[in-house]
Amino acid sequence: MTEPQSALLLRRQLAELNKNPVEGFSAGLIDDNDLYRWEVLIIGPPDTLYEGGVFKAHLTFPRDYPLRPPKMKFITDIWHPNVDKNGDQIPMETHLLMWMLQKSGGKTGMENSKGKSPVV
């Protein structure tokens, strides 16, 4: 049986994260037999309201990823305007994770289009 394209992409992306870790962020599979469910840990960036915090979340990728974005659910309590009281990301664009990792002028592969610091 041939592995779906989404699984191949997720396998490559996870390998890339392991090879070139992102400061303040780690990711791994919840179950080694399921590439579509990841657990992530986010360390609150310095000079933000989240400094010193460690936030655990689960990412669930759809089978047609990357055509549809993953769903993110925070396991750790967190206050953020884009996260509801159950830890689910409020539907918008799936950029919350990248915004949390980005400091003003930070290099995360996603630049702030208005040149302002993200609200986190």
PDB file of N, CA and C in Angstrom:
ATOM      1  N   MET A   1       0.841  -1.175   0.000  1.00  0.00           N
ATOM      2  CA  MET A   1       0.000   0.000   0.000  1.00  0.00           C
ATOM      3  C   MET A   1       0.893   1.247   0.000  1.00  0.00           C
ATOM      4  N   THR A   2       0.577   2.186  -0.869  1.00  0.00           N
ATOM      5  CA  THR A   2       1.343   3.416  -0.985  1.00  0.00           C
ATOM      6  C   THR A   2       0.926   4.406   0.095  1.00  0.00           C
ATOM      7  N   GLU A   3       1.918   5.062   0.681  1.00  0.00           N
ATOM      8  CA  GLU A   3       1.643   6.055   1.720  1.00  0.00           C
ATOM      9  C   GLU A   3       1.068   7.320   1.075  1.00  0.00           C
ATOM     10  N   PRO A   4       0.011   7.901   1.664  1.00  0.00           N
ATOM     11  CA  PRO A   4      -0.566   9.134   1.102  1.00  0.00           C
ATOM     12  C   PRO A   4       0.460  10.271   1.077  1.00  0.00           C
ATOM     13  N   GLN A   5       0.278  11.199   0.138  1.00  0.00           N
ATOM     14  CA  GLN A   5       1.175  12.350   0.017  1.00  0.00           C
ATOM     15  C   GLN A   5       1.246  13.151   1.316  1.00  0.00           C
ATOM     16  N   SER A   6       0.105  13.274   1.999  1.00  0.00           N
ATOM     17  CA  SER A   6       0.103  14.034   3.255  1.00  0.00           C
ATOM     18  C   SER A   6       1.010  13.379   4.289  1.00  0.00           C
ATOM     19  N   ALA A   7       1.004  12.059   4.344  1.00  0.00           N
ATOM     20  CA  ALA A   7       1.861  11.352   5.301  1.00  0.00           C
ATOM     21  C   ALA A   7       3.337  11.536   4.946  1.00  0.00           C
ATOM     22  N   LEU A   8       3.647  11.491   3.653  1.00  0.00           N
ATOM     23  CA  LEU A   8       5.033  11.712   3.230  1.00  0.00           C
ATOM     24  C   LEU A   8       5.501  13.117   3.615  1.00  0.00           C
ATOM     25  N   LEU A   9       4.639  14.102   3.396  1.00  0.00           N
ATOM     26  CA  LEU A   9       4.977  15.481   3.745  1.00  0.00           C
ATOM     27  C   LEU A   9       5.168  15.630   5.256  1.00  0.00           C
ATOM     28  N   LEU A  10       4.260  15.074   6.041  1.00  0.00           N
ATOM     29  CA  LEU A  10       4.368  15.172   7.501  1.00  0.00           C
ATOM     30  C   LEU A  10       5.630  14.479   8.009  1.00  0.00           C
ATOM     31  N   ARG A  11       5.953  13.343   7.433  1.00  0.00           N
ATOM     32  CA  ARG A  11       7.176  12.625   7.825  1.00  0.00           C
ATOM     33  C   ARG A  11       8.406  13.502   7.553  1.00  0.00           C
ATOM     34  N   ARG A  12       8.427  14.155   6.378  1.00  0.00           N
ATOM     35  CA  ARG A  12       9.544  15.047   6.029  1.00  0.00           C
ATOM     36  C   ARG A  12       9.600  16.255   6.963  1.00  0.00           C
ATOM     37  N   GLN A  13       8.442  16.843   7.259  1.00  0.00           N
ATOM     38  CA  GLN A  13       8.420  18.023   8.123  1.00  0.00           C
ATOM     39  C   GLN A  13       8.868  17.689   9.545  1.00  0.00           C
ATOM     40  N   LEU A  14       8.448  16.547  10.054  1.00  0.00           N
ATOM     41  CA  LEU A  14       8.875  16.141  11.393  1.00  0.00           C
ATOM     42  C   LEU A  14      10.382  15.869  11.418  1.00  0.00           C
ATOM     43  N   ALA A  15      10.890  15.205  10.379  1.00  0.00           N
ATOM     44  CA  ALA A  15      12.329  14.947  10.296  1.00  0.00           C
ATOM     45  C   ALA A  15      13.106  16.263  10.244  1.00  0.00           C
ATOM     46  N   GLU A  16      12.590  17.239   9.504  1.00  0.00           N
ATOM     47  CA  GLU A  16      13.246  18.549   9.409  1.00  0.00           C
ATOM     48  C   GLU A  16      13.257  19.256  10.765  1.00  0.00           C
ATOM     49  N   LEU A  17      12.145  19.179  11.503  1.00  0.00           N
ATOM     50  CA  LEU A  17      12.102  19.778  12.845  1.00  0.00           C
ATOM     51  C   LEU A  17      13.103  19.119  13.783  1.00  0.00           C
ATOM     52  N   ASN A  18      13.266  17.814  13.653  1.00  0.00           N
ATOM     53  CA  ASN A  18      14.233  17.105  14.499  1.00  0.00           C
ATOM     54  C   ASN A  18      15.666  17.441  14.098  1.00  0.00           C
ATOM     55  N   LYS A  19      15.890  17.614  12.798  1.00  0.00           N
ATOM     56  CA  LYS A  19      17.227  17.921  12.297  1.00  0.00           C
ATOM     57  C   LYS A  19      17.612  19.373  12.593  1.00  0.00           C
ATOM     58  N   ASN A  20      16.660  20.282  12.441  1.00  0.00           N
ATOM     59  CA  ASN A  20      16.897  21.714  12.642  1.00  0.00           C
ATOM     60  C   ASN A  20      15.858  22.259  13.617  1.00  0.00           C
ATOM     61  N   PRO A  21      16.051  22.016  14.911  1.00  0.00           N
ATOM     62  CA  PRO A  21      15.053  22.441  15.899  1.00  0.00           C
ATOM     63  C   PRO A  21      14.839  23.954  15.899  1.00  0.00           C
ATOM     64  N   VAL A  22      13.620  24.343  16.233  1.00  0.00           N
ATOM     65  CA  VAL A  22      13.243  25.749  16.363  1.00  0.00           C
ATOM     66  C   VAL A  22      13.332  26.101  17.840  1.00  0.00           C
ATOM     67  N   GLU A  23      14.016  27.192  18.151  1.00  0.00           N
ATOM     68  CA  GLU A  23      14.164  27.600  19.547  1.00  0.00           C
ATOM     69  C   GLU A  23      12.792  27.837  20.176  1.00  0.00           C
ATOM     70  N   GLY A  24      12.587  27.257  21.359  1.00  0.00           N
ATOM     71  CA  GLY A  24      11.338  27.459  22.087  1.00  0.00           C
ATOM     72  C   GLY A  24      10.197  26.574  21.641  1.00  0.00           C
ATOM     73  N   PHE A  25      10.494  25.554  20.859  1.00  0.00           N
ATOM     74  CA  PHE A  25       9.436  24.722  20.289  1.00  0.00           C
ATOM     75  C   PHE A  25       9.957  23.312  20.080  1.00  0.00           C
ATOM     76  N   SER A  26       9.140  22.323  20.410  1.00  0.00           N
ATOM     77  CA  SER A  26       9.480  20.942  20.061  1.00  0.00           C
ATOM     78  C   SER A  26       8.205  20.227  19.650  1.00  0.00           C
ATOM     79  N   ALA A  27       8.366  19.207  18.835  1.00  0.00           N
ATOM     80  CA  ALA A  27       7.209  18.459  18.336  1.00  0.00           C
ATOM     81  C   ALA A  27       7.579  16.996  18.195  1.00  0.00           C
ATOM     82  N   GLY A  28       6.589  16.149  18.375  1.00  0.00           N
ATOM     83  CA  GLY A  28       6.759  14.718  18.195  1.00  0.00           C
ATOM     84  C   GLY A  28       5.398  14.078  18.016  1.00  0.00           C
ATOM     85  N   LEU A  29       5.409  12.833  17.641  1.00  0.00           N
ATOM     86  CA  LEU A  29       4.157  12.107  17.441  1.00  0.00           C
ATOM     87  C   LEU A  29       3.557  11.710  18.784  1.00  0.00           C
ATOM     88  N   ILE A  30       2.250  11.797  18.902  1.00  0.00           N
ATOM     89  CA  ILE A  30       1.552  11.310  20.094  1.00  0.00           C
ATOM     90  C   ILE A  30       1.635   9.793  20.121  1.00  0.00           C
ATOM     91  N   ASP A  31       1.453   9.185  18.955  1.00  0.00           N
ATOM     92  CA  ASP A  31       1.515   7.731  18.787  1.00  0.00           C
ATOM     93  C   ASP A  31       2.423   7.468  17.586  1.00  0.00           C
ATOM     94  N   ASP A  32       3.455   6.670  17.774  1.00  0.00           N
ATOM     95  CA  ASP A  32       4.414   6.412  16.695  1.00  0.00           C
ATOM     96  C   ASP A  32       3.775   5.843  15.434  1.00  0.00           C
ATOM     97  N   ASN A  33       2.572   5.312  15.539  1.00  0.00           N
ATOM     98  CA  ASN A  33       1.889   4.727  14.384  1.00  0.00           C
ATOM     99  C   ASN A  33       0.917   5.688  13.709  1.00  0.00           C
ATOM    100  N   ASP A  34       0.885   6.950  14.148  1.00  0.00           N
ATOM    101  CA  ASP A  34      -0.073   7.916  13.602  1.00  0.00           C
ATOM    102  C   ASP A  34       0.627   9.243  13.301  1.00  0.00           C
ATOM    103  N   LEU A  35       0.981   9.454  12.031  1.00  0.00           N
ATOM    104  CA  LEU A  35       1.659  10.681  11.613  1.00  0.00           C
ATOM    105  C   LEU A  35       0.758  11.907  11.667  1.00  0.00           C
ATOM    106  N   TYR A  36      -0.531  11.717  11.839  1.00  0.00           N
ATOM    107  CA  TYR A  36      -1.492  12.815  11.764  1.00  0.00           C
ATOM    108  C   TYR A  36      -1.801  13.451  13.121  1.00  0.00           C
ATOM    109  N   ARG A  37      -1.187  12.945  14.191  1.00  0.00           N
ATOM    110  CA  ARG A  37      -1.424  13.519  15.528  1.00  0.00           C
ATOM    111  C   ARG A  37      -0.079  13.802  16.188  1.00  0.00           C
ATOM    112  N   TRP A  38       0.178  15.091  16.413  1.00  0.00           N
ATOM    113  CA  TRP A  38       1.440  15.535  17.005  1.00  0.00           C
ATOM    114  C   TRP A  38       1.187  16.185  18.351  1.00  0.00           C
ATOM    115  N   GLU A  39       2.183  16.072  19.215  1.00  0.00           N
ATOM    116  CA  GLU A  39       2.189  16.832  20.464  1.00  0.00           C
ATOM    117  C   GLU A  39       3.300  17.864  20.338  1.00  0.00           C
ATOM    118  N   VAL A  40       2.984  19.108  20.672  1.00  0.00           N
ATOM    119  CA  VAL A  40       3.986  20.169  20.600  1.00  0.00           C
ATOM    120  C   VAL A  40       4.136  20.824  21.965  1.00  0.00           C
ATOM    121  N   LEU A  41       5.330  21.274  22.249  1.00  0.00           N
ATOM    122  CA  LEU A  41       5.621  22.063  23.450  1.00  0.00           C
ATOM    123  C   LEU A  41       6.150  23.404  22.985  1.00  0.00           C
ATOM    124  N   ILE A  42       5.575  24.455  23.534  1.00  0.00           N
ATOM    125  CA  ILE A  42       5.982  25.810  23.196  1.00  0.00           C
ATOM    126  C   ILE A  42       6.466  26.478  24.479  1.00  0.00           C
ATOM    127  N   ILE A  43       7.675  26.997  24.452  1.00  0.00           N
ATOM    128  CA  ILE A  43       8.223  27.747  25.581  1.00  0.00           C
ATOM    129  C   ILE A  43       7.873  29.214  25.339  1.00  0.00           C
ATOM    130  N   GLY A  44       7.259  29.846  26.337  1.00  0.00           N
ATOM    131  CA  GLY A  44       6.890  31.252  26.197  1.00  0.00           C
ATOM    132  C   GLY A  44       8.097  32.115  25.885  1.00  0.00           C
ATOM    133  N   PRO A  45       8.029  32.887  24.801  1.00  0.00           N
ATOM    134  CA  PRO A  45       9.169  33.711  24.401  1.00  0.00           C
ATOM    135  C   PRO A  45       9.492  34.795  25.430  1.00  0.00           C
ATOM    136  N   PRO A  46      10.770  35.154  25.559  1.00  0.00           N
ATOM    137  CA  PRO A  46      11.155  36.232  26.467  1.00  0.00           C
ATOM    138  C   PRO A  46      10.461  37.540  26.084  1.00  0.00           C
ATOM    139  N   ASP A  47      10.266  38.370  27.070  1.00  0.00           N
ATOM    140  CA  ASP A  47       9.687  39.703  26.869  1.00  0.00           C
ATOM    141  C   ASP A  47       8.264  39.663  26.322  1.00  0.00           C
ATOM    142  N   THR A  48       7.526  38.607  26.648  1.00  0.00           N
ATOM    143  CA  THR A  48       6.107  38.521  26.301  1.00  0.00           C
ATOM    144  C   THR A  48       5.347  38.137  27.562  1.00  0.00           C
ATOM    145  N   LEU A  49       4.041  38.188  27.493  1.00  0.00           N
ATOM    146  CA  LEU A  49       3.217  37.746  28.623  1.00  0.00           C
ATOM    147  C   LEU A  49       3.384  36.253  28.900  1.00  0.00           C
ATOM    148  N   TYR A  50       3.893  35.518  27.938  1.00  0.00           N
ATOM    149  CA  TYR A  50       4.038  34.068  28.061  1.00  0.00           C
ATOM    150  C   TYR A  50       5.423  33.641  28.540  1.00  0.00           C
ATOM    151  N   GLU A  51       6.312  34.600  28.805  1.00  0.00           N
ATOM    152  CA  GLU A  51       7.672  34.292  29.248  1.00  0.00           C
ATOM    153  C   GLU A  51       7.631  33.379  30.470  1.00  0.00           C
ATOM    154  N   GLY A  52       8.429  32.314  30.425  1.00  0.00           N
ATOM    155  CA  GLY A  52       8.499  31.368  31.532  1.00  0.00           C
ATOM    156  C   GLY A  52       7.458  30.269  31.468  1.00  0.00           C
ATOM    157  N   GLY A  53       6.497  30.393  30.576  1.00  0.00           N
ATOM    158  CA  GLY A  53       5.457  29.372  30.454  1.00  0.00           C
ATOM    159  C   GLY A  53       5.877  28.243  29.532  1.00  0.00           C
ATOM    160  N   VAL A  54       5.341  27.063  29.799  1.00  0.00           N
ATOM    161  CA  VAL A  54       5.522  25.907  28.923  1.00  0.00           C
ATOM    162  C   VAL A  54       4.122  25.444  28.559  1.00  0.00           C
ATOM    163  N   PHE A  55       3.820  25.452  27.277  1.00  0.00           N
ATOM    164  CA  PHE A  55       2.471  25.186  26.808  1.00  0.00           C
ATOM    165  C   PHE A  55       2.460  23.958  25.908  1.00  0.00           C
ATOM    166  N   LYS A  56       1.651  22.984  26.304  1.00  0.00           N
ATOM    167  CA  LYS A  56       1.512  21.751  25.529  1.00  0.00           C
ATOM    168  C   LYS A  56       0.250  21.859  24.684  1.00  0.00           C
ATOM    169  N   ALA A  57       0.360  21.415  23.432  1.00  0.00           N
ATOM    170  CA  ALA A  57      -0.790  21.415  22.529  1.00  0.00           C
ATOM    171  C   ALA A  57      -0.735  20.171  21.654  1.00  0.00           C
ATOM    172  N   HIS A  58      -1.883  19.803  21.132  1.00  0.00           N
ATOM    173  CA  HIS A  58      -1.965  18.710  20.166  1.00  0.00           C
ATOM    174  C   HIS A  58      -2.350  19.283  18.812  1.00  0.00           C
ATOM    175  N   LEU A  59      -1.680  18.818  17.781  1.00  0.00           N
ATOM    176  CA  LEU A  59      -2.016  19.169  16.405  1.00  0.00           C
ATOM    177  C   LEU A  59      -2.603  17.934  15.748  1.00  0.00           C
ATOM    178  N   THR A  60      -3.748  18.091  15.115  1.00  0.00           N
ATOM    179  CA  THR A  60      -4.370  17.005  14.364  1.00  0.00           C
ATOM    180  C   THR A  60      -4.433  17.440  12.907  1.00  0.00           C
ATOM    181  N   PHE A  61      -3.718  16.723  12.067  1.00  0.00           N
ATOM    182  CA  PHE A  61      -3.645  17.059  10.648  1.00  0.00           C
ATOM    183  C   PHE A  61      -4.716  16.293   9.877  1.00  0.00           C
ATOM    184  N   PRO A  62      -5.403  16.970   8.948  1.00  0.00           N
ATOM    185  CA  PRO A  62      -6.388  16.268   8.124  1.00  0.00           C
ATOM    186  C   PRO A  62      -5.679  15.398   7.083  1.00  0.00           C
ATOM    187  N   ARG A  63      -6.357  14.414   6.559  1.00  0.00           N
ATOM    188  CA  ARG A  63      -5.761  13.517   5.559  1.00  0.00           C
ATOM    189  C   ARG A  63      -5.413  14.254   4.270  1.00  0.00           C
ATOM    190  N   ASP A  64      -6.075  15.376   4.011  1.00  0.00           N
ATOM    191  CA  ASP A  64      -5.764  16.140   2.797  1.00  0.00           C
ATOM    192  C   ASP A  64      -4.815  17.315   3.079  1.00  0.00           C
ATOM    193  N   TYR A  65      -4.077  17.235   4.187  1.00  0.00           N
ATOM    194  CA  TYR A  65      -3.045  18.227   4.486  1.00  0.00           C
ATOM    195  C   TYR A  65      -2.044  18.231   3.337  1.00  0.00           C
ATOM    196  N   PRO A  66      -1.586  19.328   2.847  1.00  0.00           N
ATOM    197  CA  PRO A  66      -1.679  20.699   3.330  1.00  0.00           C
ATOM    198  C   PRO A  66      -2.818  21.514   2.715  1.00  0.00           C
ATOM    199  N   LEU A  67      -3.725  20.864   2.011  1.00  0.00           N
ATOM    200  CA  LEU A  67      -4.843  21.615   1.429  1.00  0.00           C
ATOM    201  C   LEU A  67      -5.732  22.216   2.509  1.00  0.00           C
ATOM    202  N   ARG A  68      -5.825  21.529   3.639  1.00  0.00           N
ATOM    203  CA  ARG A  68      -6.535  22.059   4.813  1.00  0.00           C
ATOM    204  C   ARG A  68      -5.546  22.085   5.962  1.00  0.00           C
ATOM    205  N   PRO A  69      -5.657  23.088   6.850  1.00  0.00           N
ATOM    206  CA  PRO A  69      -4.693  23.232   7.945  1.00  0.00           C
ATOM    207  C   PRO A  69      -4.978  22.261   9.091  1.00  0.00           C
ATOM    208  N   PRO A  70      -3.981  22.041   9.948  1.00  0.00           N
ATOM    209  CA  PRO A  70      -4.211  21.213  11.132  1.00  0.00           C
ATOM    210  C   PRO A  70      -5.088  21.944  12.137  1.00  0.00           C
ATOM    211  N   LYS A  71      -5.695  21.175  13.038  1.00  0.00           N
ATOM    212  CA  LYS A  71      -6.425  21.755  14.168  1.00  0.00           C
ATOM    213  C   LYS A  71      -5.491  21.695  15.364  1.00  0.00           C
ATOM    214  N   MET A  72      -5.538  22.744  16.158  1.00  0.00           N
ATOM    215  CA  MET A  72      -4.658  22.834  17.319  1.00  0.00           C
ATOM    216  C   MET A  72      -5.503  22.937  18.575  1.00  0.00           C
ATOM    217  N   LYS A  73      -5.153  22.130  19.574  1.00  0.00           N
ATOM    218  CA  LYS A  73      -5.846  22.174  20.861  1.00  0.00           C
ATOM    219  C   LYS A  73      -4.790  22.266  21.951  1.00  0.00           C
ATOM    220  N   PHE A  74      -4.880  23.328  22.754  1.00  0.00           N
ATOM    221  CA  PHE A  74      -3.957  23.461  23.874  1.00  0.00           C
ATOM    222  C   PHE A  74      -4.393  22.538  24.997  1.00  0.00           C
ATOM    223  N   ILE A  75      -3.454  21.781  25.526  1.00  0.00           N
ATOM    224  CA  ILE A  75      -3.693  20.899  26.661  1.00  0.00           C
ATOM    225  C   ILE A  75      -3.449  21.692  27.948  1.00  0.00           C
ATOM    226  N   THR A  76      -2.426  22.542  27.924  1.00  0.00           N
ATOM    227  CA  THR A  76      -2.119  23.434  29.038  1.00  0.00           C
ATOM    228  C   THR A  76      -3.060  24.633  28.966  1.00  0.00           C
ATOM    229  N   ASP A  77      -3.552  25.076  30.121  1.00  0.00           N
ATOM    230  CA  ASP A  77      -4.365  26.292  30.141  1.00  0.00           C
ATOM    231  C   ASP A  77      -3.541  27.464  29.618  1.00  0.00           C
ATOM    232  N   ILE A  78      -4.159  28.250  28.764  1.00  0.00           N
ATOM    233  CA  ILE A  78      -3.492  29.418  28.198  1.00  0.00           C
ATOM    234  C   ILE A  78      -4.556  30.464  27.916  1.00  0.00           C
ATOM    235  N   TRP A  79      -4.213  31.722  28.161  1.00  0.00           N
ATOM    236  CA  TRP A  79      -5.121  32.789  27.771  1.00  0.00           C
ATOM    237  C   TRP A  79      -4.586  33.404  26.503  1.00  0.00           C
ATOM    238  N   HIS A  80      -5.408  33.364  25.485  1.00  0.00           N
ATOM    239  CA  HIS A  80      -5.076  33.980  24.204  1.00  0.00           C
ATOM    240  C   HIS A  80      -6.389  34.271  23.501  1.00  0.00           C
ATOM    241  N   PRO A  81      -6.519  35.423  22.847  1.00  0.00           N
ATOM    242  CA  PRO A  81      -7.792  35.762  22.209  1.00  0.00           C
ATOM    243  C   PRO A  81      -8.212  34.801  21.103  1.00  0.00           C
ATOM    244  N   ASN A  82      -7.297  33.995  20.596  1.00  0.00           N
ATOM    245  CA  ASN A  82      -7.634  33.048  19.533  1.00  0.00           C
ATOM    246  C   ASN A  82      -7.792  31.618  20.037  1.00  0.00           C
ATOM    247  N   VAL A  83      -7.857  31.449  21.364  1.00  0.00           N
ATOM    248  CA  VAL A  83      -8.021  30.114  21.955  1.00  0.00           C
ATOM    249  C   VAL A  83      -9.217  30.163  22.889  1.00  0.00           C
ATOM    250  N   ASP A  84     -10.154  29.214  22.711  1.00  0.00           N
ATOM    251  CA  ASP A  84     -11.336  29.222  23.581  1.00  0.00           C
ATOM    252  C   ASP A  84     -11.033  28.556  24.919  1.00  0.00           C
ATOM    253  N   LYS A  85     -12.017  28.552  25.821  1.00  0.00           N
ATOM    254  CA  LYS A  85     -11.793  28.046  27.182  1.00  0.00           C
ATOM    255  C   LYS A  85     -11.490  26.555  27.222  1.00  0.00           C
ATOM    256  N   ASN A  86     -11.821  25.818  26.143  1.00  0.00           N
ATOM    257  CA  ASN A  86     -11.524  24.384  26.080  1.00  0.00           C
ATOM    258  C   ASN A  86     -10.138  24.104  25.504  1.00  0.00           C
ATOM    259  N   GLY A  87      -9.421  25.162  25.127  1.00  0.00           N
ATOM    260  CA  GLY A  87      -8.086  24.988  24.558  1.00  0.00           C
ATOM    261  C   GLY A  87      -8.078  24.860  23.054  1.00  0.00           C
ATOM    262  N   ASP A  88      -9.260  24.930  22.428  1.00  0.00           N
ATOM    263  CA  ASP A  88      -9.334  24.815  20.973  1.00  0.00           C
ATOM    264  C   ASP A  88      -9.039  26.156  20.328  1.00  0.00           C
ATOM    265  N   GLN A  89      -8.307  26.103  19.233  1.00  0.00           N
ATOM    266  CA  GLN A  89      -8.027  27.326  18.498  1.00  0.00           C
ATOM    267  C   GLN A  89      -9.317  27.797  17.848  1.00  0.00           C
ATOM    268  N   ILE A  90      -9.620  29.070  18.016  1.00  0.00           N
ATOM    269  CA  ILE A  90     -10.792  29.645  17.382  1.00  0.00           C
ATOM    270  C   ILE A  90     -10.503  29.722  15.887  1.00  0.00           C
ATOM    271  N   PRO A  91     -11.423  29.182  15.059  1.00  0.00           N
ATOM    272  CA  PRO A  91     -11.151  29.159  13.618  1.00  0.00           C
ATOM    273  C   PRO A  91     -10.832  30.546  13.077  1.00  0.00           C
ATOM    274  N   MET A  92      -9.735  30.638  12.422  1.00  0.00           N
ATOM    275  CA  MET A  92      -9.236  31.812  11.700  1.00  0.00           C
ATOM    276  C   MET A  92      -8.233  31.223  10.737  1.00  0.00           C
ATOM    277  N   GLU A  93      -7.125  31.868  10.619  1.00  0.00           N
ATOM    278  CA  GLU A  93      -6.026  31.267   9.905  1.00  0.00           C
ATOM    279  C   GLU A  93      -5.214  30.495  10.944  1.00  0.00           C
ATOM    280  N   THR A  94      -4.536  29.458  10.531  1.00  0.00           N
ATOM    281  CA  THR A  94      -3.763  28.665  11.477  1.00  0.00           C
ATOM    282  C   THR A  94      -2.348  29.221  11.581  1.00  0.00           C
ATOM    283  N   HIS A  95      -2.255  30.427  12.124  1.00  0.00           N
ATOM    284  CA  HIS A  95      -0.956  31.071  12.293  1.00  0.00           C
ATOM    285  C   HIS A  95      -0.613  31.272  13.762  1.00  0.00           C
ATOM    286  N   LEU A  96      -1.494  30.864  14.674  1.00  0.00           N
ATOM    287  CA  LEU A  96      -1.254  31.094  16.097  1.00  0.00           C
ATOM    288  C   LEU A  96       0.098  30.544  16.534  1.00  0.00           C
ATOM    289  N   LEU A  97       0.406  29.341  16.114  1.00  0.00           N
ATOM    290  CA  LEU A  97       1.662  28.719  16.513  1.00  0.00           C
ATOM    291  C   LEU A  97       2.852  29.559  16.067  1.00  0.00           C
ATOM    292  N   MET A  98       2.834  30.016  14.827  1.00  0.00           N
ATOM    293  CA  MET A  98       3.943  30.814  14.331  1.00  0.00           C
ATOM    294  C   MET A  98       4.024  32.162  15.039  1.00  0.00           C
ATOM    295  N   TRP A  99       2.875  32.772  15.326  1.00  0.00           N
ATOM    296  CA  TRP A  99       2.892  34.059  16.015  1.00  0.00           C
ATOM    297  C   TRP A  99       3.482  33.914  17.414  1.00  0.00           C
ATOM    298  N   MET A 100       3.182  32.805  18.083  1.00  0.00           N
ATOM    299  CA  MET A 100       3.707  32.613  19.437  1.00  0.00           C
ATOM    300  C   MET A 100       5.220  32.466  19.420  1.00  0.00           C
ATOM    301  N   LEU A 101       5.748  31.917  18.345  1.00  0.00           N
ATOM    302  CA  LEU A 101       7.188  31.708  18.257  1.00  0.00           C
ATOM    303  C   LEU A 101       7.930  32.963  17.818  1.00  0.00           C
ATOM    304  N   GLN A 102       7.212  33.903  17.216  1.00  0.00           N
ATOM    305  CA  GLN A 102       7.864  35.070  16.634  1.00  0.00           C
ATOM    306  C   GLN A 102       7.937  36.232  17.608  1.00  0.00           C
ATOM    307  N   LYS A 103       9.142  36.738  17.822  1.00  0.00           N
ATOM    308  CA  LYS A 103       9.322  38.008  18.522  1.00  0.00           C
ATOM    309  C   LYS A 103       9.349  39.071  17.438  1.00  0.00           C
ATOM    310  N   SER A 104       9.168  40.302  17.819  1.00  0.00           N
ATOM    311  CA  SER A 104       9.252  41.384  16.844  1.00  0.00           C
ATOM    312  C   SER A 104      10.598  41.306  16.139  1.00  0.00           C
ATOM    313  N   GLY A 105      10.566  41.188  14.820  1.00  0.00           N
ATOM    314  CA  GLY A 105      11.796  41.067  14.050  1.00  0.00           C
ATOM    315  C   GLY A 105      12.374  39.670  14.079  1.00  0.00           C
ATOM    316  N   GLY A 106      11.646  38.698  14.672  1.00  0.00           N
ATOM    317  CA  GLY A 106      12.134  37.334  14.769  1.00  0.00           C
ATOM    318  C   GLY A 106      12.154  36.632  13.431  1.00  0.00           C
ATOM    319  N   LYS A 107      12.916  35.582  13.339  1.00  0.00           N
ATOM    320  CA  LYS A 107      13.026  34.815  12.106  1.00  0.00           C
ATOM    321  C   LYS A 107      12.384  33.456  12.318  1.00  0.00           C
ATOM    322  N   THR A 108      11.150  33.321  11.875  1.00  0.00           N
ATOM    323  CA  THR A 108      10.465  32.037  12.003  1.00  0.00           C
ATOM    324  C   THR A 108      10.008  31.529  10.653  1.00  0.00           C
ATOM    325  N   GLY A 109      10.340  32.256   9.586  1.00  0.00           N
ATOM    326  CA  GLY A 109       9.841  31.876   8.281  1.00  0.00           C
ATOM    327  C   GLY A 109       8.532  32.563   7.957  1.00  0.00           C
ATOM    328  N   MET A 110       7.993  33.322   8.899  1.00  0.00           N
ATOM    329  CA  MET A 110       6.761  34.057   8.657  1.00  0.00           C
ATOM    330  C   MET A 110       6.960  35.460   9.198  1.00  0.00           C
ATOM    331  N   GLU A 111       7.081  36.418   8.339  1.00  0.00           N
ATOM    332  CA  GLU A 111       7.344  37.784   8.764  1.00  0.00           C
ATOM    333  C   GLU A 111       6.045  38.515   9.055  1.00  0.00           C
ATOM    334  N   ASN A 112       6.084  39.386  10.027  1.00  0.00           N
ATOM    335  CA  ASN A 112       4.942  40.204  10.394  1.00  0.00           C
ATOM    336  C   ASN A 112       4.745  41.252   9.305  1.00  0.00           C
ATOM    337  N   SER A 113       3.626  41.191   8.601  1.00  0.00           N
ATOM    338  CA  SER A 113       3.424  42.031   7.432  1.00  0.00           C
ATOM    339  C   SER A 113       3.289  43.512   7.762  1.00  0.00           C
ATOM    340  N   LYS A 114       2.886  43.869   8.953  1.00  0.00           N
ATOM    341  CA  LYS A 114       2.707  45.275   9.291  1.00  0.00           C
ATOM    342  C   LYS A 114       3.869  45.822  10.112  1.00  0.00           C
ATOM    343  N   GLY A 115       4.873  45.005  10.404  1.00  0.00           N
ATOM    344  CA  GLY A 115       6.025  45.476  11.148  1.00  0.00           C
ATOM    345  C   GLY A 115       5.749  45.725  12.615  1.00  0.00           C
ATOM    346  N   LYS A 116       4.664  45.184  13.144  1.00  0.00           N
ATOM    347  CA  LYS A 116       4.329  45.350  14.558  1.00  0.00           C
ATOM    348  C   LYS A 116       4.502  44.020  15.266  1.00  0.00           C
ATOM    349  N   SER A 117       4.667  44.081  16.559  1.00  0.00           N
ATOM    350  CA  SER A 117       4.767  42.853  17.340  1.00  0.00           C
ATOM    351  C   SER A 117       3.414  42.165  17.383  1.00  0.00           C
ATOM    352  N   PRO A 118       3.381  40.826  17.334  1.00  0.00           N
ATOM    353  CA  PRO A 118       2.115  40.115  17.450  1.00  0.00           C
ATOM    354  C   PRO A 118       1.537  40.266  18.853  1.00  0.00           C
ATOM    355  N   VAL A 119       0.242  40.156  18.953  1.00  0.00           N
ATOM    356  CA  VAL A 119      -0.427  40.230  20.255  1.00  0.00           C
ATOM    357  C   VAL A 119      -0.488  38.823  20.814  1.00  0.00           C
ATOM    358  N   VAL A 120       0.369  38.517  21.765  1.00  0.00           N
ATOM    359  CA  VAL A 120       0.350  37.208  22.429  1.00  0.00           C
ATOM    360  C   VAL A 120       0.495  37.388  23.907  1.00  0.00           C
TER     361      VAL A 120
END
